[in-house]
Amino acid sequence: MSHDAQVFVKSQTEFEYSKRKRKEAMRSQITSFAIMIFLTLIAFSAVAAGFSKYYIAPIILLLAAVQVVLQLYYFMHMNEKNHGIAAFFLYTGALFAFTFILTFLTIIWWG
């Protein structure tokens, strides 16, 4: 029995375009992965160097925030088109979480 399967054949131009786009995407993912490894090494080095905890904690939190943004943007494909609704909900949730944490810390510190 034969199924009615359609076969789509790409032209040479379409093939070259998709190949170039995949190569660019892979290059950006590898670059962001290398940056995240470097940021992790900076955090480990700061802890291993024995700096003050008042210096290390903000640095580690800043590096972690940068890594979260890189992971969302590149590995979760938020940089691609047609991810507007998902990005909107994600950023709105991050805004609410930041506001909640800031409010919570303000109440504890001034309370």
PDB file of N, CA and C in Angstrom:
ATOM      1  N   MET A   1       0.845  -1.174   0.000  1.00  0.00           N
ATOM      2  CA  MET A   1       0.000   0.000   0.000  1.00  0.00           C
ATOM      3  C   MET A   1       0.886   1.231   0.000  1.00  0.00           C
ATOM      4  N   SER A   2       0.465   2.170  -0.725  1.00  0.00           N
ATOM      5  CA  SER A   2       1.238   3.401  -0.863  1.00  0.00           C
ATOM      6  C   SER A   2       0.505   4.537  -0.158  1.00  0.00           C
ATOM      7  N   HIS A   3       1.280   5.358   0.537  1.00  0.00           N
ATOM      8  CA  HIS A   3       0.716   6.535   1.172  1.00  0.00           C
ATOM      9  C   HIS A   3       0.987   7.738   0.288  1.00  0.00           C
ATOM     10  N   ASP A   4       0.098   8.699   0.373  1.00  0.00           N
ATOM     11  CA  ASP A   4       0.295   9.921  -0.402  1.00  0.00           C
ATOM     12  C   ASP A   4       1.225  10.844   0.363  1.00  0.00           C
ATOM     13  N   ALA A   5       2.494  10.614   0.237  1.00  0.00           N
ATOM     14  CA  ALA A   5       3.490  11.435   0.907  1.00  0.00           C
ATOM     15  C   ALA A   5       4.054  12.425  -0.093  1.00  0.00           C
ATOM     16  N   GLN A   6       4.077  13.661   0.325  1.00  0.00           N
ATOM     17  CA  GLN A   6       4.633  14.689  -0.542  1.00  0.00           C
ATOM     18  C   GLN A   6       6.110  14.855  -0.234  1.00  0.00           C
ATOM     19  N   VAL A   7       6.882  14.969  -1.248  1.00  0.00           N
ATOM     20  CA  VAL A   7       8.315  15.162  -1.109  1.00  0.00           C
ATOM     21  C   VAL A   7       8.638  16.576  -1.558  1.00  0.00           C
ATOM     22  N   PHE A   8       9.268  17.335  -0.655  1.00  0.00           N
ATOM     23  CA  PHE A   8       9.652  18.689  -0.994  1.00  0.00           C
ATOM     24  C   PHE A   8      11.140  18.703  -1.282  1.00  0.00           C
ATOM     25  N   VAL A   9      11.486  19.191  -2.425  1.00  0.00           N
ATOM     26  CA  VAL A   9      12.887  19.266  -2.820  1.00  0.00           C
ATOM     27  C   VAL A   9      13.304  20.726  -2.770  1.00  0.00           C
ATOM     28  N   LYS A  10      14.393  20.980  -2.043  1.00  0.00           N
ATOM     29  CA  LYS A  10      14.904  22.348  -1.946  1.00  0.00           C
ATOM     30  C   LYS A  10      15.796  22.644  -3.142  1.00  0.00           C
ATOM     31  N   SER A  11      15.721  23.882  -3.571  1.00  0.00           N
ATOM     32  CA  SER A  11      16.642  24.306  -4.622  1.00  0.00           C
ATOM     33  C   SER A  11      18.016  24.503  -4.001  1.00  0.00           C
ATOM     34  N   GLN A  12      19.016  24.664  -4.828  1.00  0.00           N
ATOM     35  CA  GLN A  12      20.378  24.860  -4.328  1.00  0.00           C
ATOM     36  C   GLN A  12      20.475  26.137  -3.503  1.00  0.00           C
ATOM     37  N   THR A  13      19.761  27.187  -3.909  1.00  0.00           N
ATOM     38  CA  THR A  13      19.784  28.447  -3.166  1.00  0.00           C
ATOM     39  C   THR A  13      19.135  28.279  -1.794  1.00  0.00           C
ATOM     40  N   GLU A  14      18.006  27.592  -1.733  1.00  0.00           N
ATOM     41  CA  GLU A  14      17.347  27.345  -0.448  1.00  0.00           C
ATOM     42  C   GLU A  14      18.213  26.483   0.461  1.00  0.00           C
ATOM     43  N   PHE A  15      18.873  25.486  -0.131  1.00  0.00           N
ATOM     44  CA  PHE A  15      19.747  24.630   0.644  1.00  0.00           C
ATOM     45  C   PHE A  15      20.922  25.417   1.224  1.00  0.00           C
ATOM     46  N   GLU A  16      21.542  26.251   0.421  1.00  0.00           N
ATOM     47  CA  GLU A  16      22.673  27.061   0.893  1.00  0.00           C
ATOM     48  C   GLU A  16      22.229  28.046   1.970  1.00  0.00           C
ATOM     49  N   TYR A  17      21.041  28.619   1.807  1.00  0.00           N
ATOM     50  CA  TYR A  17      20.532  29.564   2.808  1.00  0.00           C
ATOM     51  C   TYR A  17      20.293  28.869   4.149  1.00  0.00           C
ATOM     52  N   SER A  18      19.628  27.702   4.122  1.00  0.00           N
ATOM     53  CA  SER A  18      19.363  26.992   5.374  1.00  0.00           C
ATOM     54  C   SER A  18      20.660  26.492   6.005  1.00  0.00           C
ATOM     55  N   LYS A  19      21.620  26.098   5.192  1.00  0.00           N
ATOM     56  CA  LYS A  19      22.921  25.665   5.712  1.00  0.00           C
ATOM     57  C   LYS A  19      23.640  26.819   6.407  1.00  0.00           C
ATOM     58  N   ARG A  20      23.587  28.008   5.789  1.00  0.00           N
ATOM     59  CA  ARG A  20      24.236  29.186   6.383  1.00  0.00           C
ATOM     60  C   ARG A  20      23.548  29.591   7.684  1.00  0.00           C
ATOM     61  N   LYS A  21      22.220  29.525   7.721  1.00  0.00           N
ATOM     62  CA  LYS A  21      21.486  29.876   8.945  1.00  0.00           C
ATOM     63  C   LYS A  21      21.796  28.888  10.077  1.00  0.00           C
ATOM     64  N   ARG A  22      21.861  27.610   9.783  1.00  0.00           N
ATOM     65  CA  ARG A  22      22.206  26.616  10.800  1.00  0.00           C
ATOM     66  C   ARG A  22      23.623  26.822  11.315  1.00  0.00           C
ATOM     67  N   LYS A  23      24.533  27.188  10.415  1.00  0.00           N
ATOM     68  CA  LYS A  23      25.919  27.432  10.815  1.00  0.00           C
ATOM     69  C   LYS A  23      26.005  28.648  11.733  1.00  0.00           C
ATOM     70  N   GLU A  24      25.277  29.699  11.411  1.00  0.00           N
ATOM     71  CA  GLU A  24      25.263  30.894  12.268  1.00  0.00           C
ATOM     72  C   GLU A  24      24.650  30.589  13.631  1.00  0.00           C
ATOM     73  N   ALA A  25      23.581  29.809  13.662  1.00  0.00           N
ATOM     74  CA  ALA A  25      22.941  29.448  14.930  1.00  0.00           C
ATOM     75  C   ALA A  25      23.873  28.615  15.793  1.00  0.00           C
ATOM     76  N   MET A  26      24.561  27.666  15.189  1.00  0.00           N
ATOM     77  CA  MET A  26      25.496  26.825  15.939  1.00  0.00           C
ATOM     78  C   MET A  26      26.656  27.658  16.473  1.00  0.00           C
ATOM     79  N   ARG A  27      27.157  28.585  15.678  1.00  0.00           N
ATOM     80  CA  ARG A  27      28.256  29.443  16.118  1.00  0.00           C
ATOM     81  C   ARG A  27      27.828  30.304  17.306  1.00  0.00           C
ATOM     82  N   SER A  28      26.630  30.845  17.276  1.00  0.00           N
ATOM     83  CA  SER A  28      26.177  31.678  18.390  1.00  0.00           C
ATOM     84  C   SER A  28      25.953  30.846  19.647  1.00  0.00           C
ATOM     85  N   GLN A  29      25.464  29.607  19.498  1.00  0.00           N
ATOM     86  CA  GLN A  29      25.272  28.754  20.673  1.00  0.00           C
ATOM     87  C   GLN A  29      26.611  28.334  21.279  1.00  0.00           C
ATOM     88  N   ILE A  30      27.581  28.016  20.460  1.00  0.00           N
ATOM     89  CA  ILE A  30      28.900  27.641  20.982  1.00  0.00           C
ATOM     90  C   ILE A  30      29.566  28.834  21.645  1.00  0.00           C
ATOM     91  N   THR A  31      29.421  30.010  21.052  1.00  0.00           N
ATOM     92  CA  THR A  31      30.006  31.214  21.650  1.00  0.00           C
ATOM     93  C   THR A  31      29.371  31.512  23.004  1.00  0.00           C
ATOM     94  N   SER A  32      28.056  31.435  23.091  1.00  0.00           N
ATOM     95  CA  SER A  32      27.404  31.706  24.370  1.00  0.00           C
ATOM     96  C   SER A  32      27.749  30.636  25.405  1.00  0.00           C
ATOM     97  N   PHE A  33      27.910  29.386  24.975  1.00  0.00           N
ATOM     98  CA  PHE A  33      28.323  28.331  25.902  1.00  0.00           C
ATOM     99  C   PHE A  33      29.727  28.609  26.439  1.00  0.00           C
ATOM    100  N   ALA A  34      30.627  29.047  25.575  1.00  0.00           N
ATOM    101  CA  ALA A  34      31.988  29.377  26.009  1.00  0.00           C
ATOM    102  C   ALA A  34      31.981  30.544  26.989  1.00  0.00           C
ATOM    103  N   ILE A  35      31.130  31.527  26.736  1.00  0.00           N
ATOM    104  CA  ILE A  35      31.020  32.667  27.654  1.00  0.00           C
ATOM    105  C   ILE A  35      30.509  32.200  29.011  1.00  0.00           C
ATOM    106  N   MET A  36      29.531  31.300  29.015  1.00  0.00           N
ATOM    107  CA  MET A  36      28.992  30.805  30.293  1.00  0.00           C
ATOM    108  C   MET A  36      30.036  29.995  31.059  1.00  0.00           C
ATOM    109  N   ILE A  37      30.836  29.208  30.370  1.00  0.00           N
ATOM    110  CA  ILE A  37      31.913  28.470  31.036  1.00  0.00           C
ATOM    111  C   ILE A  37      32.917  29.455  31.634  1.00  0.00           C
ATOM    112  N   PHE A  38      33.257  30.492  30.892  1.00  0.00           N
ATOM    113  CA  PHE A  38      34.184  31.508  31.385  1.00  0.00           C
ATOM    114  C   PHE A  38      33.622  32.209  32.629  1.00  0.00           C
ATOM    115  N   LEU A  39      32.333  32.547  32.612  1.00  0.00           N
ATOM    116  CA  LEU A  39      31.712  33.195  33.776  1.00  0.00           C
ATOM    117  C   LEU A  39      31.707  32.260  34.991  1.00  0.00           C
ATOM    118  N   THR A  40      31.511  30.972  34.743  1.00  0.00           N
ATOM    119  CA  THR A  40      31.563  29.999  35.834  1.00  0.00           C
ATOM    120  C   THR A  40      32.971  29.914  36.412  1.00  0.00           C
ATOM    121  N   LEU A  41      33.965  29.933  35.554  1.00  0.00           N
ATOM    122  CA  LEU A  41      35.351  29.907  36.029  1.00  0.00           C
ATOM    123  C   LEU A  41      35.682  31.158  36.843  1.00  0.00           C
ATOM    124  N   ILE A  42      35.155  32.298  36.450  1.00  0.00           N
ATOM    125  CA  ILE A  42      35.366  33.525  37.223  1.00  0.00           C
ATOM    126  C   ILE A  42      34.758  33.374  38.615  1.00  0.00           C
ATOM    127  N   ALA A  43      33.547  32.815  38.688  1.00  0.00           N
ATOM    128  CA  ALA A  43      32.891  32.635  39.988  1.00  0.00           C
ATOM    129  C   ALA A  43      33.686  31.669  40.874  1.00  0.00           C
ATOM    130  N   PHE A  44      34.125  30.552  40.315  1.00  0.00           N
ATOM    131  CA  PHE A  44      34.920  29.602  41.096  1.00  0.00           C
ATOM    132  C   PHE A  44      36.248  30.218  41.533  1.00  0.00           C
ATOM    133  N   SER A  45      36.857  30.999  40.660  1.00  0.00           N
ATOM    134  CA  SER A  45      38.130  31.641  41.006  1.00  0.00           C
ATOM    135  C   SER A  45      37.959  32.642  42.138  1.00  0.00           C
ATOM    136  N   ALA A  46      36.856  33.378  42.118  1.00  0.00           N
ATOM    137  CA  ALA A  46      36.607  34.353  43.179  1.00  0.00           C
ATOM    138  C   ALA A  46      36.430  33.656  44.526  1.00  0.00           C
ATOM    139  N   VAL A  47      35.762  32.520  44.528  1.00  0.00           N
ATOM    140  CA  VAL A  47      35.578  31.776  45.771  1.00  0.00           C
ATOM    141  C   VAL A  47      36.903  31.157  46.220  1.00  0.00           C
ATOM    142  N   ALA A  48      37.645  30.583  45.276  1.00  0.00           N
ATOM    143  CA  ALA A  48      38.908  29.930  45.623  1.00  0.00           C
ATOM    144  C   ALA A  48      39.971  30.923  46.081  1.00  0.00           C
ATOM    145  N   ALA A  49      39.876  32.176  45.633  1.00  0.00           N
ATOM    146  CA  ALA A  49      40.859  33.189  46.013  1.00  0.00           C
ATOM    147  C   ALA A  49      40.674  33.638  47.456  1.00  0.00           C
ATOM    148  N   GLY A  50      39.539  33.327  48.042  1.00  0.00           N
ATOM    149  CA  GLY A  50      39.313  33.654  49.442  1.00  0.00           C
ATOM    150  C   GLY A  50      38.918  35.101  49.686  1.00  0.00           C
ATOM    151  N   PHE A  51      38.247  35.713  48.725  1.00  0.00           N
ATOM    152  CA  PHE A  51      37.775  37.081  48.909  1.00  0.00           C
ATOM    153  C   PHE A  51      36.685  37.123  49.975  1.00  0.00           C
ATOM    154  N   SER A  52      36.356  38.313  50.403  1.00  0.00           N
ATOM    155  CA  SER A  52      35.312  38.507  51.397  1.00  0.00           C
ATOM    156  C   SER A  52      33.965  38.056  50.836  1.00  0.00           C
ATOM    157  N   LYS A  53      33.124  37.497  51.720  1.00  0.00           N
ATOM    158  CA  LYS A  53      31.805  37.033  51.263  1.00  0.00           C
ATOM    159  C   LYS A  53      30.934  38.205  50.825  1.00  0.00           C
ATOM    160  N   TYR A  54      31.212  39.395  51.311  1.00  0.00           N
ATOM    161  CA  TYR A  54      30.448  40.574  50.896  1.00  0.00           C
ATOM    162  C   TYR A  54      30.828  41.020  49.491  1.00  0.00           C
ATOM    163  N   TYR A  55      31.978  40.582  49.040  1.00  0.00           N
ATOM    164  CA  TYR A  55      32.406  40.861  47.670  1.00  0.00           C
ATOM    165  C   TYR A  55      31.972  39.734  46.727  1.00  0.00           C
ATOM    166  N   ILE A  56      32.066  38.503  47.195  1.00  0.00           N
ATOM    167  CA  ILE A  56      31.794  37.347  46.345  1.00  0.00           C
ATOM    168  C   ILE A  56      30.304  37.199  46.034  1.00  0.00           C
ATOM    169  N   ALA A  57      29.450  37.378  47.020  1.00  0.00           N
ATOM    170  CA  ALA A  57      28.011  37.144  46.821  1.00  0.00           C
ATOM    171  C   ALA A  57      27.422  38.007  45.705  1.00  0.00           C
ATOM    172  N   PRO A  58      27.657  39.334  45.672  1.00  0.00           N
ATOM    173  CA  PRO A  58      27.091  40.104  44.553  1.00  0.00           C
ATOM    174  C   PRO A  58      27.694  39.730  43.204  1.00  0.00           C
ATOM    175  N   ILE A  59      28.971  39.392  43.196  1.00  0.00           N
ATOM    176  CA  ILE A  59      29.608  38.999  41.933  1.00  0.00           C
ATOM    177  C   ILE A  59      28.991  37.708  41.404  1.00  0.00           C
ATOM    178  N   ILE A  60      28.796  36.729  42.277  1.00  0.00           N
ATOM    179  CA  ILE A  60      28.211  35.458  41.843  1.00  0.00           C
ATOM    180  C   ILE A  60      26.768  35.655  41.383  1.00  0.00           C
ATOM    181  N   LEU A  61      26.010  36.486  42.077  1.00  0.00           N
ATOM    182  CA  LEU A  61      24.624  36.752  41.663  1.00  0.00           C
ATOM    183  C   LEU A  61      24.577  37.462  40.311  1.00  0.00           C
ATOM    184  N   LEU A  62      25.490  38.388  40.092  1.00  0.00           N
ATOM    185  CA  LEU A  62      25.543  39.086  38.805  1.00  0.00           C
ATOM    186  C   LEU A  62      25.907  38.122  37.678  1.00  0.00           C
ATOM    187  N   LEU A  63      26.907  37.283  37.909  1.00  0.00           N
ATOM    188  CA  LEU A  63      27.303  36.305  36.894  1.00  0.00           C
ATOM    189  C   LEU A  63      26.179  35.304  36.629  1.00  0.00           C
ATOM    190  N   ALA A  64      25.454  34.918  37.670  1.00  0.00           N
ATOM    191  CA  ALA A  64      24.327  33.997  37.492  1.00  0.00           C
ATOM    192  C   ALA A  64      23.213  34.644  36.669  1.00  0.00           C
ATOM    193  N   ALA A  65      22.951  35.922  36.916  1.00  0.00           N
ATOM    194  CA  ALA A  65      21.917  36.627  36.140  1.00  0.00           C
ATOM    195  C   ALA A  65      22.309  36.709  34.664  1.00  0.00           C
ATOM    196  N   VAL A  66      23.573  36.965  34.398  1.00  0.00           N
ATOM    197  CA  VAL A  66      24.039  37.020  33.007  1.00  0.00           C
ATOM    198  C   VAL A  66      23.885  35.643  32.352  1.00  0.00           C
ATOM    199  N   GLN A  67      24.202  34.593  33.087  1.00  0.00           N
ATOM    200  CA  GLN A  67      24.063  33.250  32.529  1.00  0.00           C
ATOM    201  C   GLN A  67      22.605  32.881  32.266  1.00  0.00           C
ATOM    202  N   VAL A  68      21.712  33.302  33.132  1.00  0.00           N
ATOM    203  CA  VAL A  68      20.280  33.030  32.909  1.00  0.00           C
ATOM    204  C   VAL A  68      19.810  33.718  31.630  1.00  0.00           C
ATOM    205  N   VAL A  69      20.212  34.950  31.442  1.00  0.00           N
ATOM    206  CA  VAL A  69      19.816  35.678  30.234  1.00  0.00           C
ATOM    207  C   VAL A  69      20.381  34.991  28.996  1.00  0.00           C
ATOM    208  N   LEU A  70      21.649  34.587  29.036  1.00  0.00           N
ATOM    209  CA  LEU A  70      22.244  33.897  27.891  1.00  0.00           C
ATOM    210  C   LEU A  70      21.533  32.578  27.600  1.00  0.00           C
ATOM    211  N   GLN A  71      21.202  31.836  28.644  1.00  0.00           N
ATOM    212  CA  GLN A  71      20.526  30.566  28.423  1.00  0.00           C
ATOM    213  C   GLN A  71      19.132  30.759  27.848  1.00  0.00           C
ATOM    214  N   LEU A  72      18.416  31.744  28.347  1.00  0.00           N
ATOM    215  CA  LEU A  72      17.084  31.991  27.806  1.00  0.00           C
ATOM    216  C   LEU A  72      17.161  32.472  26.365  1.00  0.00           C
ATOM    217  N   TYR A  73      18.093  33.341  26.105  1.00  0.00           N
ATOM    218  CA  TYR A  73      18.148  33.962  24.784  1.00  0.00           C
ATOM    219  C   TYR A  73      18.636  32.982  23.714  1.00  0.00           C
ATOM    220  N   TYR A  74      19.658  32.213  24.011  1.00  0.00           N
ATOM    221  CA  TYR A  74      20.215  31.337  22.979  1.00  0.00           C
ATOM    222  C   TYR A  74      19.714  29.900  23.074  1.00  0.00           C
ATOM    223  N   PHE A  75      19.788  29.282  24.249  1.00  0.00           N
ATOM    224  CA  PHE A  75      19.453  27.866  24.346  1.00  0.00           C
ATOM    225  C   PHE A  75      17.949  27.617  24.363  1.00  0.00           C
ATOM    226  N   MET A  76      17.160  28.583  24.819  1.00  0.00           N
ATOM    227  CA  MET A  76      15.711  28.435  24.782  1.00  0.00           C
ATOM    228  C   MET A  76      15.120  29.092  23.527  1.00  0.00           C
ATOM    229  N   HIS A  77      15.985  29.531  22.631  1.00  0.00           N
ATOM    230  CA  HIS A  77      15.614  30.065  21.320  1.00  0.00           C
ATOM    231  C   HIS A  77      14.701  31.288  21.391  1.00  0.00           C
ATOM    232  N   MET A  78      14.907  32.121  22.400  1.00  0.00           N
ATOM    233  CA  MET A  78      14.112  33.344  22.492  1.00  0.00           C
ATOM    234  C   MET A  78      14.561  34.385  21.476  1.00  0.00           C
ATOM    235  N   ASN A  79      15.687  34.165  20.831  1.00  0.00           N
ATOM    236  CA  ASN A  79      16.158  35.108  19.829  1.00  0.00           C
ATOM    237  C   ASN A  79      15.518  34.871  18.463  1.00  0.00           C
ATOM    238  N   GLU A  80      14.767  33.797  18.323  1.00  0.00           N
ATOM    239  CA  GLU A  80      14.128  33.497  17.050  1.00  0.00           C
ATOM    240  C   GLU A  80      12.786  34.215  16.926  1.00  0.00           C
ATOM    241  N   LYS A  81      12.306  34.288  15.712  1.00  0.00           N
ATOM    242  CA  LYS A  81      11.016  34.923  15.463  1.00  0.00           C
ATOM    243  C   LYS A  81       9.881  34.032  15.961  1.00  0.00           C
ATOM    244  N   ASN A  82       8.725  34.630  16.131  1.00  0.00           N
ATOM    245  CA  ASN A  82       7.497  33.944  16.542  1.00  0.00           C
ATOM    246  C   ASN A  82       7.567  33.376  17.953  1.00  0.00           C
ATOM    247  N   HIS A  83       8.375  33.963  18.810  1.00  0.00           N
ATOM    248  CA  HIS A  83       8.406  33.588  20.216  1.00  0.00           C
ATOM    249  C   HIS A  83       7.967  34.767  21.076  1.00  0.00           C
ATOM    250  N   GLY A  84       7.183  35.655  20.520  1.00  0.00           N
ATOM    251  CA  GLY A  84       6.771  36.864  21.223  1.00  0.00           C
ATOM    252  C   GLY A  84       5.910  36.605  22.443  1.00  0.00           C
ATOM    253  N   ILE A  85       4.930  35.717  22.325  1.00  0.00           N
ATOM    254  CA  ILE A  85       4.033  35.437  23.441  1.00  0.00           C
ATOM    255  C   ILE A  85       4.790  34.752  24.572  1.00  0.00           C
ATOM    256  N   ALA A  86       5.602  33.762  24.235  1.00  0.00           N
ATOM    257  CA  ALA A  86       6.380  33.065  25.269  1.00  0.00           C
ATOM    258  C   ALA A  86       7.347  34.032  25.955  1.00  0.00           C
ATOM    259  N   ALA A  87       7.997  34.892  25.178  1.00  0.00           N
ATOM    260  CA  ALA A  87       8.921  35.872  25.762  1.00  0.00           C
ATOM    261  C   ALA A  87       8.169  36.858  26.648  1.00  0.00           C
ATOM    262  N   PHE A  88       6.983  37.272  26.219  1.00  0.00           N
ATOM    263  CA  PHE A  88       6.187  38.197  27.015  1.00  0.00           C
ATOM    264  C   PHE A  88       5.860  37.604  28.385  1.00  0.00           C
ATOM    265  N   PHE A  89       5.379  36.349  28.410  1.00  0.00           N
ATOM    266  CA  PHE A  89       5.035  35.713  29.676  1.00  0.00           C
ATOM    267  C   PHE A  89       6.278  35.483  30.536  1.00  0.00           C
ATOM    268  N   LEU A  90       7.369  35.118  29.903  1.00  0.00           N
ATOM    269  CA  LEU A  90       8.606  34.887  30.648  1.00  0.00           C
ATOM    270  C   LEU A  90       9.108  36.169  31.292  1.00  0.00           C
ATOM    271  N   TYR A  91       9.148  37.243  30.536  1.00  0.00           N
ATOM    272  CA  TYR A  91       9.641  38.511  31.073  1.00  0.00           C
ATOM    273  C   TYR A  91       8.675  39.105  32.090  1.00  0.00           C
ATOM    274  N   THR A  92       7.386  38.904  31.890  1.00  0.00           N
ATOM    275  CA  THR A  92       6.413  39.370  32.877  1.00  0.00           C
ATOM    276  C   THR A  92       6.579  38.606  34.190  1.00  0.00           C
ATOM    277  N   GLY A  93       6.785  37.299  34.107  1.00  0.00           N
ATOM    278  CA  GLY A  93       7.033  36.507  35.301  1.00  0.00           C
ATOM    279  C   GLY A  93       8.315  36.923  36.005  1.00  0.00           C
ATOM    280  N   ALA A  94       9.349  37.226  35.234  1.00  0.00           N
ATOM    281  CA  ALA A  94      10.608  37.691  35.828  1.00  0.00           C
ATOM    282  C   ALA A  94      10.416  39.041  36.508  1.00  0.00           C
ATOM    283  N   LEU A  95       9.615  39.906  35.909  1.00  0.00           N
ATOM    284  CA  LEU A  95       9.346  41.211  36.512  1.00  0.00           C
ATOM    285  C   LEU A  95       8.591  41.052  37.832  1.00  0.00           C
ATOM    286  N   PHE A  96       7.581  40.182  37.853  1.00  0.00           N
ATOM    287  CA  PHE A  96       6.842  39.928  39.088  1.00  0.00           C
ATOM    288  C   PHE A  96       7.746  39.314  40.154  1.00  0.00           C
ATOM    289  N   ALA A  97       8.597  38.370  39.759  1.00  0.00           N
ATOM    290  CA  ALA A  97       9.510  37.735  40.719  1.00  0.00           C
ATOM    291  C   ALA A  97      10.482  38.766  41.294  1.00  0.00           C
ATOM    292  N   PHE A  98      11.029  39.622  40.430  1.00  0.00           N
ATOM    293  CA  PHE A  98      11.954  40.658  40.904  1.00  0.00           C
ATOM    294  C   PHE A  98      11.244  41.613  41.858  1.00  0.00           C
ATOM    295  N   THR A  99      10.031  42.017  41.523  1.00  0.00           N
ATOM    296  CA  THR A  99       9.269  42.913  42.385  1.00  0.00           C
ATOM    297  C   THR A  99       8.958  42.254  43.719  1.00  0.00           C
ATOM    298  N   PHE A 100       8.574  40.984  43.693  1.00  0.00           N
ATOM    299  CA  PHE A 100       8.277  40.253  44.922  1.00  0.00           C
ATOM    300  C   PHE A 100       9.514  40.148  45.810  1.00  0.00           C
ATOM    301  N   ILE A 101      10.639  39.783  45.226  1.00  0.00           N
ATOM    302  CA  ILE A 101      11.878  39.645  46.012  1.00  0.00           C
ATOM    303  C   ILE A 101      12.313  40.982  46.573  1.00  0.00           C
ATOM    304  N   LEU A 102      12.232  42.028  45.772  1.00  0.00           N
ATOM    305  CA  LEU A 102      12.606  43.361  46.250  1.00  0.00           C
ATOM    306  C   LEU A 102      11.688  43.809  47.391  1.00  0.00           C
ATOM    307  N   THR A 103      10.400  43.570  47.257  1.00  0.00           N
ATOM    308  CA  THR A 103       9.447  43.920  48.315  1.00  0.00           C
ATOM    309  C   THR A 103       9.721  43.113  49.577  1.00  0.00           C
ATOM    310  N   PHE A 104       9.961  41.823  49.428  1.00  0.00           N
ATOM    311  CA  PHE A 104      10.236  40.959  50.553  1.00  0.00           C
ATOM    312  C   PHE A 104      11.497  41.412  51.300  1.00  0.00           C
ATOM    313  N   LEU A 105      12.555  41.700  50.551  1.00  0.00           N
ATOM    314  CA  LEU A 105      13.796  42.161  51.186  1.00  0.00           C
ATOM    315  C   LEU A 105      13.633  43.517  51.845  1.00  0.00           C
ATOM    316  N   THR A 106      12.858  44.387  51.262  1.00  0.00           N
ATOM    317  CA  THR A 106      12.615  45.712  51.865  1.00  0.00           C
ATOM    318  C   THR A 106      11.859  45.571  53.176  1.00  0.00           C
ATOM    319  N   ILE A 107      10.858  44.700  53.211  1.00  0.00           N
ATOM    320  CA  ILE A 107      10.094  44.494  54.453  1.00  0.00           C
ATOM    321  C   ILE A 107      10.982  43.898  55.535  1.00  0.00           C
ATOM    322  N   ILE A 108      11.840  42.961  55.168  1.00  0.00           N
ATOM    323  CA  ILE A 108      12.705  42.339  56.168  1.00  0.00           C
ATOM    324  C   ILE A 108      13.737  43.333  56.691  1.00  0.00           C
ATOM    325  N   TRP A 109      14.372  44.101  55.794  1.00  0.00           N
ATOM    326  CA  TRP A 109      15.424  45.013  56.222  1.00  0.00           C
ATOM    327  C   TRP A 109      14.876  46.189  57.035  1.00  0.00           C
ATOM    328  N   TRP A 110      13.714  46.709  56.647  1.00  0.00           N
ATOM    329  CA  TRP A 110      13.179  47.892  57.327  1.00  0.00           C
ATOM    330  C   TRP A 110      12.145  47.536  58.385  1.00  0.00           C
ATOM    331  N   GLY A 111      11.801  46.262  58.497  1.00  0.00           N
ATOM    332  CA  GLY A 111      10.737  45.845  59.389  1.00  0.00           C
ATOM    333  C   GLY A 111      11.164  45.608  60.786  1.00  0.00           C
TER     334      GLY A 111
END
